[in-house]
Amino acid sequence: MKQAKPATAPDVKLKVVIVSLVLALGLGTVLFRFLEPFTWIQAFYFTVNTMTTVGSGDWVPSNDGTRLVVALYTLVSVSLYVSFITFLGSHLLELRTRQLLEQFTLEKTQDKE
């Protein structure tokens, strides 16, 4: 029987960031569904617009309490979103660098033979 490979640090970090994003998306959707007269779809749409800083303006908070919640939610969710994009970019860059290094090492080894 094959034993499972232990998770590497980047794999664990990627999972943590993805789970955090999904939780923030779910929390925002539920939060805005009950703070505003939004349907579930509208709350989800508003949450995605807020997290990605698109802010199309077609759905806006209707009172100061919700505006405060949106401001705080934006600070947290945008940070998570940027962390995800940054991690994904650096992970892909690291993978490509390893591929190029392996290719270069292989070519150097073949040149010596």
N, C-alpha and C. Protein backbone atom coordinates (compact mmCIF):
# COMPACT_ATOMS: atom_id res chain seq x y z
N MET A 1 0.83 -1.17 0.00
CA MET A 1 0.00 0.00 0.00
C MET A 1 0.88 1.25 0.00
N LYS A 2 0.53 2.22 -0.86
CA LYS A 2 1.29 3.46 -0.95
C LYS A 2 0.96 4.38 0.21
N GLN A 3 1.99 5.00 0.75
CA GLN A 3 1.75 5.97 1.81
C GLN A 3 1.59 7.35 1.20
N ALA A 4 0.73 8.13 1.80
CA ALA A 4 0.49 9.49 1.30
C ALA A 4 1.72 10.35 1.55
N LYS A 5 2.01 11.19 0.55
CA LYS A 5 3.09 12.14 0.68
C LYS A 5 2.71 13.21 1.69
N PRO A 6 3.63 13.59 2.58
CA PRO A 6 3.28 14.66 3.52
C PRO A 6 3.09 15.98 2.76
N ALA A 7 2.17 16.79 3.22
CA ALA A 7 1.89 18.07 2.56
C ALA A 7 3.08 19.00 2.76
N THR A 8 3.43 19.71 1.70
CA THR A 8 4.52 20.68 1.80
C THR A 8 3.95 22.00 2.29
N ALA A 9 4.83 22.88 2.74
CA ALA A 9 4.40 24.18 3.27
C ALA A 9 3.59 24.98 2.25
N PRO A 10 4.01 25.06 0.97
CA PRO A 10 3.20 25.81 0.01
C PRO A 10 1.81 25.20 -0.19
N ASP A 11 1.72 23.85 -0.15
CA ASP A 11 0.41 23.21 -0.30
C ASP A 11 -0.51 23.58 0.85
N VAL A 12 0.02 23.56 2.05
CA VAL A 12 -0.77 23.90 3.23
C VAL A 12 -1.18 25.37 3.17
N LYS A 13 -0.25 26.23 2.81
CA LYS A 13 -0.56 27.66 2.75
C LYS A 13 -1.62 27.93 1.69
N LEU A 14 -1.53 27.27 0.55
CA LEU A 14 -2.52 27.45 -0.51
C LEU A 14 -3.90 27.02 0.00
N LYS A 15 -3.97 25.90 0.70
CA LYS A 15 -5.25 25.44 1.24
C LYS A 15 -5.81 26.43 2.25
N VAL A 16 -4.95 26.95 3.10
CA VAL A 16 -5.40 27.92 4.11
C VAL A 16 -5.95 29.18 3.44
N VAL A 17 -5.24 29.66 2.42
CA VAL A 17 -5.69 30.88 1.73
C VAL A 17 -7.01 30.62 1.01
N ILE A 18 -7.14 29.48 0.34
CA ILE A 18 -8.38 29.17 -0.38
C ILE A 18 -9.56 29.02 0.59
N VAL A 19 -9.34 28.30 1.68
CA VAL A 19 -10.40 28.13 2.68
C VAL A 19 -10.78 29.49 3.27
N SER A 20 -9.81 30.33 3.53
CA SER A 20 -10.09 31.67 4.07
C SER A 20 -10.91 32.49 3.09
N LEU A 21 -10.57 32.42 1.81
CA LEU A 21 -11.33 33.14 0.79
C LEU A 21 -12.77 32.65 0.71
N VAL A 22 -12.94 31.34 0.71
CA VAL A 22 -14.29 30.76 0.64
C VAL A 22 -15.10 31.15 1.87
N LEU A 23 -14.48 31.11 3.04
CA LEU A 23 -15.17 31.52 4.27
C LEU A 23 -15.55 33.01 4.22
N ALA A 24 -14.64 33.84 3.75
CA ALA A 24 -14.92 35.27 3.65
C ALA A 24 -16.05 35.53 2.66
N LEU A 25 -16.06 34.80 1.57
CA LEU A 25 -17.12 34.93 0.57
C LEU A 25 -18.46 34.50 1.16
N GLY A 26 -18.46 33.37 1.85
CA GLY A 26 -19.70 32.89 2.47
C GLY A 26 -20.19 33.81 3.57
N LEU A 27 -19.27 34.25 4.43
CA LEU A 27 -19.63 35.15 5.52
C LEU A 27 -20.18 36.46 4.98
N GLY A 28 -19.53 37.01 3.98
CA GLY A 28 -20.00 38.27 3.37
C GLY A 28 -21.38 38.12 2.76
N THR A 29 -21.59 37.01 2.07
CA THR A 29 -22.90 36.78 1.46
C THR A 29 -24.00 36.71 2.51
N VAL A 30 -23.78 35.94 3.57
CA VAL A 30 -24.77 35.83 4.65
C VAL A 30 -24.96 37.17 5.35
N LEU A 31 -23.86 37.84 5.65
CA LEU A 31 -23.90 39.12 6.34
C LEU A 31 -24.72 40.15 5.57
N PHE A 32 -24.40 40.30 4.29
CA PHE A 32 -25.08 41.31 3.49
C PHE A 32 -26.51 40.91 3.14
N ARG A 33 -26.78 39.62 3.15
CA ARG A 33 -28.15 39.15 2.91
C ARG A 33 -29.07 39.63 4.02
N PHE A 34 -28.55 39.65 5.27
CA PHE A 34 -29.40 40.03 6.39
C PHE A 34 -29.27 41.50 6.81
N LEU A 35 -28.19 42.17 6.39
CA LEU A 35 -28.05 43.59 6.71
C LEU A 35 -28.78 44.48 5.72
N GLU A 36 -28.96 44.00 4.51
CA GLU A 36 -29.59 44.77 3.44
C GLU A 36 -30.75 43.98 2.86
N PRO A 37 -31.63 44.65 2.16
CA PRO A 37 -32.75 43.93 1.53
C PRO A 37 -32.32 43.26 0.21
N PHE A 38 -31.23 42.49 0.27
CA PHE A 38 -30.71 41.80 -0.91
C PHE A 38 -31.25 40.38 -0.95
N THR A 39 -31.40 39.86 -2.17
CA THR A 39 -31.64 38.42 -2.32
C THR A 39 -30.29 37.73 -2.10
N TRP A 40 -30.29 36.40 -2.04
CA TRP A 40 -29.03 35.67 -1.89
C TRP A 40 -28.09 35.95 -3.05
N ILE A 41 -28.64 36.00 -4.25
CA ILE A 41 -27.80 36.26 -5.44
C ILE A 41 -27.24 37.68 -5.37
N GLN A 42 -28.06 38.64 -5.02
CA GLN A 42 -27.59 40.02 -4.91
C GLN A 42 -26.52 40.16 -3.82
N ALA A 43 -26.72 39.47 -2.70
CA ALA A 43 -25.73 39.52 -1.61
C ALA A 43 -24.40 38.91 -2.05
N PHE A 44 -24.48 37.78 -2.77
CA PHE A 44 -23.27 37.15 -3.30
C PHE A 44 -22.57 38.09 -4.29
N TYR A 45 -23.34 38.67 -5.20
CA TYR A 45 -22.81 39.61 -6.20
C TYR A 45 -22.14 40.81 -5.51
N PHE A 46 -22.82 41.37 -4.50
CA PHE A 46 -22.27 42.50 -3.76
C PHE A 46 -20.97 42.10 -3.06
N THR A 47 -20.94 40.90 -2.49
CA THR A 47 -19.75 40.41 -1.79
C THR A 47 -18.57 40.26 -2.75
N VAL A 48 -18.81 39.67 -3.90
CA VAL A 48 -17.74 39.50 -4.89
C VAL A 48 -17.25 40.85 -5.37
N ASN A 49 -18.17 41.78 -5.65
CA ASN A 49 -17.77 43.14 -6.06
C ASN A 49 -16.92 43.81 -4.99
N THR A 50 -17.29 43.61 -3.74
CA THR A 50 -16.55 44.22 -2.64
C THR A 50 -15.17 43.59 -2.48
N MET A 51 -15.13 42.24 -2.50
CA MET A 51 -13.85 41.54 -2.32
C MET A 51 -12.85 41.86 -3.43
N THR A 52 -13.33 42.01 -4.64
CA THR A 52 -12.43 42.24 -5.77
C THR A 52 -12.25 43.72 -6.08
N THR A 53 -12.84 44.56 -5.29
CA THR A 53 -12.81 46.03 -5.41
C THR A 53 -13.32 46.53 -6.76
N VAL A 54 -14.19 45.76 -7.39
CA VAL A 54 -14.80 46.21 -8.65
C VAL A 54 -15.72 47.39 -8.36
N GLY A 55 -16.61 47.21 -7.39
CA GLY A 55 -17.47 48.31 -6.96
C GLY A 55 -18.24 48.97 -8.08
N SER A 56 -19.05 48.20 -8.79
CA SER A 56 -19.78 48.76 -9.94
C SER A 56 -20.83 49.78 -9.54
N GLY A 57 -21.25 49.79 -8.29
CA GLY A 57 -22.16 50.83 -7.80
C GLY A 57 -23.63 50.54 -8.02
N ASP A 58 -23.96 49.39 -8.60
CA ASP A 58 -25.37 49.10 -8.81
C ASP A 58 -26.06 48.63 -7.53
N TRP A 59 -25.29 48.12 -6.55
CA TRP A 59 -25.82 47.76 -5.24
C TRP A 59 -24.95 48.47 -4.21
N VAL A 60 -25.57 49.27 -3.37
CA VAL A 60 -24.81 50.02 -2.36
C VAL A 60 -25.48 49.85 -0.99
N PRO A 61 -24.71 50.00 0.09
CA PRO A 61 -25.30 49.92 1.43
C PRO A 61 -26.30 51.06 1.64
N SER A 62 -27.37 50.77 2.37
CA SER A 62 -28.45 51.76 2.51
C SER A 62 -28.40 52.55 3.82
N ASN A 63 -27.50 52.16 4.75
CA ASN A 63 -27.45 52.90 6.02
C ASN A 63 -26.01 52.92 6.55
N ASP A 64 -25.79 53.77 7.53
CA ASP A 64 -24.43 53.97 8.06
C ASP A 64 -23.87 52.72 8.74
N GLY A 65 -24.72 51.95 9.42
CA GLY A 65 -24.25 50.72 10.06
C GLY A 65 -23.70 49.74 9.04
N THR A 66 -24.42 49.56 7.96
CA THR A 66 -23.96 48.64 6.91
C THR A 66 -22.72 49.20 6.22
N ARG A 67 -22.67 50.50 6.04
CA ARG A 67 -21.48 51.11 5.43
C ARG A 67 -20.23 50.83 6.27
N LEU A 68 -20.37 50.91 7.58
CA LEU A 68 -19.24 50.61 8.47
C LEU A 68 -18.83 49.14 8.34
N VAL A 69 -19.81 48.25 8.33
CA VAL A 69 -19.52 46.82 8.15
C VAL A 69 -18.82 46.59 6.82
N VAL A 70 -19.32 47.23 5.76
CA VAL A 70 -18.71 47.07 4.43
C VAL A 70 -17.26 47.57 4.45
N ALA A 71 -17.01 48.68 5.09
CA ALA A 71 -15.64 49.22 5.15
C ALA A 71 -14.71 48.23 5.85
N LEU A 72 -15.14 47.69 6.98
CA LEU A 72 -14.31 46.73 7.70
C LEU A 72 -14.16 45.42 6.90
N TYR A 73 -15.25 44.97 6.32
CA TYR A 73 -15.22 43.75 5.51
C TYR A 73 -14.27 43.92 4.32
N THR A 74 -14.31 45.10 3.72
CA THR A 74 -13.43 45.36 2.56
C THR A 74 -11.97 45.27 2.97
N LEU A 75 -11.60 45.85 4.09
CA LEU A 75 -10.21 45.79 4.55
C LEU A 75 -9.73 44.35 4.71
N VAL A 76 -10.56 43.53 5.32
CA VAL A 76 -10.18 42.13 5.56
C VAL A 76 -10.20 41.32 4.27
N SER A 77 -11.29 41.41 3.52
CA SER A 77 -11.45 40.55 2.35
C SER A 77 -10.48 40.92 1.22
N VAL A 78 -10.21 42.18 1.04
CA VAL A 78 -9.25 42.57 0.00
C VAL A 78 -7.86 42.07 0.37
N SER A 79 -7.52 42.12 1.65
CA SER A 79 -6.22 41.59 2.09
C SER A 79 -6.11 40.10 1.79
N LEU A 80 -7.18 39.36 2.05
CA LEU A 80 -7.19 37.92 1.73
C LEU A 80 -7.06 37.69 0.24
N TYR A 81 -7.81 38.46 -0.53
CA TYR A 81 -7.79 38.32 -1.99
C TYR A 81 -6.40 38.62 -2.55
N VAL A 82 -5.79 39.68 -2.08
CA VAL A 82 -4.44 40.05 -2.53
C VAL A 82 -3.43 38.98 -2.10
N SER A 83 -3.59 38.44 -0.90
CA SER A 83 -2.70 37.36 -0.45
C SER A 83 -2.81 36.15 -1.36
N PHE A 84 -4.03 35.82 -1.76
CA PHE A 84 -4.25 34.69 -2.65
C PHE A 84 -3.58 34.93 -4.00
N ILE A 85 -3.79 36.08 -4.59
CA ILE A 85 -3.20 36.39 -5.89
C ILE A 85 -1.67 36.40 -5.79
N THR A 86 -1.14 36.99 -4.74
CA THR A 86 0.31 37.05 -4.53
C THR A 86 0.89 35.65 -4.36
N PHE A 87 0.24 34.83 -3.51
CA PHE A 87 0.72 33.48 -3.29
C PHE A 87 0.67 32.67 -4.58
N LEU A 88 -0.42 32.77 -5.30
CA LEU A 88 -0.57 32.02 -6.54
C LEU A 88 0.51 32.42 -7.54
N GLY A 89 0.74 33.72 -7.69
CA GLY A 89 1.78 34.19 -8.61
C GLY A 89 3.16 33.71 -8.21
N SER A 90 3.49 33.81 -6.94
CA SER A 90 4.83 33.38 -6.50
C SER A 90 4.98 31.86 -6.60
N HIS A 91 3.90 31.13 -6.33
CA HIS A 91 3.96 29.67 -6.45
C HIS A 91 4.19 29.25 -7.91
N LEU A 92 3.48 29.87 -8.82
CA LEU A 92 3.65 29.56 -10.25
C LEU A 92 5.05 29.95 -10.72
N LEU A 93 5.55 31.08 -10.25
CA LEU A 93 6.90 31.51 -10.61
C LEU A 93 7.94 30.54 -10.08
N GLU A 94 7.75 30.06 -8.86
CA GLU A 94 8.67 29.09 -8.27
C GLU A 94 8.66 27.77 -9.05
N LEU A 95 7.48 27.32 -9.44
CA LEU A 95 7.39 26.09 -10.24
C LEU A 95 8.13 26.25 -11.57
N ARG A 96 7.92 27.38 -12.21
CA ARG A 96 8.58 27.61 -13.51
C ARG A 96 10.09 27.72 -13.33
N THR A 97 10.54 28.35 -12.27
CA THR A 97 11.98 28.47 -12.00
C THR A 97 12.59 27.09 -11.79
N ARG A 98 11.90 26.23 -11.04
CA ARG A 98 12.39 24.86 -10.84
C ARG A 98 12.48 24.10 -12.15
N GLN A 99 11.47 24.25 -13.01
CA GLN A 99 11.49 23.58 -14.30
C GLN A 99 12.69 24.02 -15.12
N LEU A 100 12.91 25.33 -15.16
CA LEU A 100 14.04 25.84 -15.94
C LEU A 100 15.37 25.38 -15.36
N LEU A 101 15.47 25.36 -14.03
CA LEU A 101 16.70 24.90 -13.38
C LEU A 101 16.96 23.43 -13.68
N GLU A 102 15.93 22.60 -13.61
CA GLU A 102 16.08 21.18 -13.93
C GLU A 102 16.49 21.00 -15.39
N GLN A 103 15.88 21.77 -16.28
CA GLN A 103 16.22 21.68 -17.70
C GLN A 103 17.67 22.10 -17.92
N PHE A 104 18.09 23.19 -17.28
CA PHE A 104 19.46 23.67 -17.42
C PHE A 104 20.44 22.64 -16.88
N THR A 105 20.13 22.05 -15.72
CA THR A 105 21.00 21.04 -15.11
C THR A 105 21.10 19.82 -16.00
N LEU A 106 19.99 19.40 -16.58
CA LEU A 106 19.99 18.25 -17.49
C LEU A 106 20.84 18.53 -18.72
N GLU A 107 20.71 19.72 -19.28
CA GLU A 107 21.51 20.09 -20.47
C GLU A 107 22.99 20.14 -20.12
N LYS A 108 23.33 20.68 -18.95
CA LYS A 108 24.74 20.73 -18.52
C LYS A 108 25.30 19.32 -18.36
N THR A 109 24.51 18.41 -17.79
CA THR A 109 24.94 17.04 -17.59
C THR A 109 25.16 16.34 -18.94
N GLN A 110 24.27 16.60 -19.88
CA GLN A 110 24.41 16.00 -21.20
C GLN A 110 25.61 16.56 -21.95
N ASP A 111 25.90 17.82 -21.76
CA ASP A 111 27.05 18.42 -22.43
C ASP A 111 28.37 17.81 -21.94
N LYS A 112 28.46 17.42 -20.67
CA LYS A 112 29.66 16.84 -20.10
C LYS A 112 29.91 15.43 -20.61
N GLU A 113 28.83 14.75 -21.02
CA GLU A 113 29.00 13.36 -21.47
C GLU A 113 29.46 13.31 -22.86
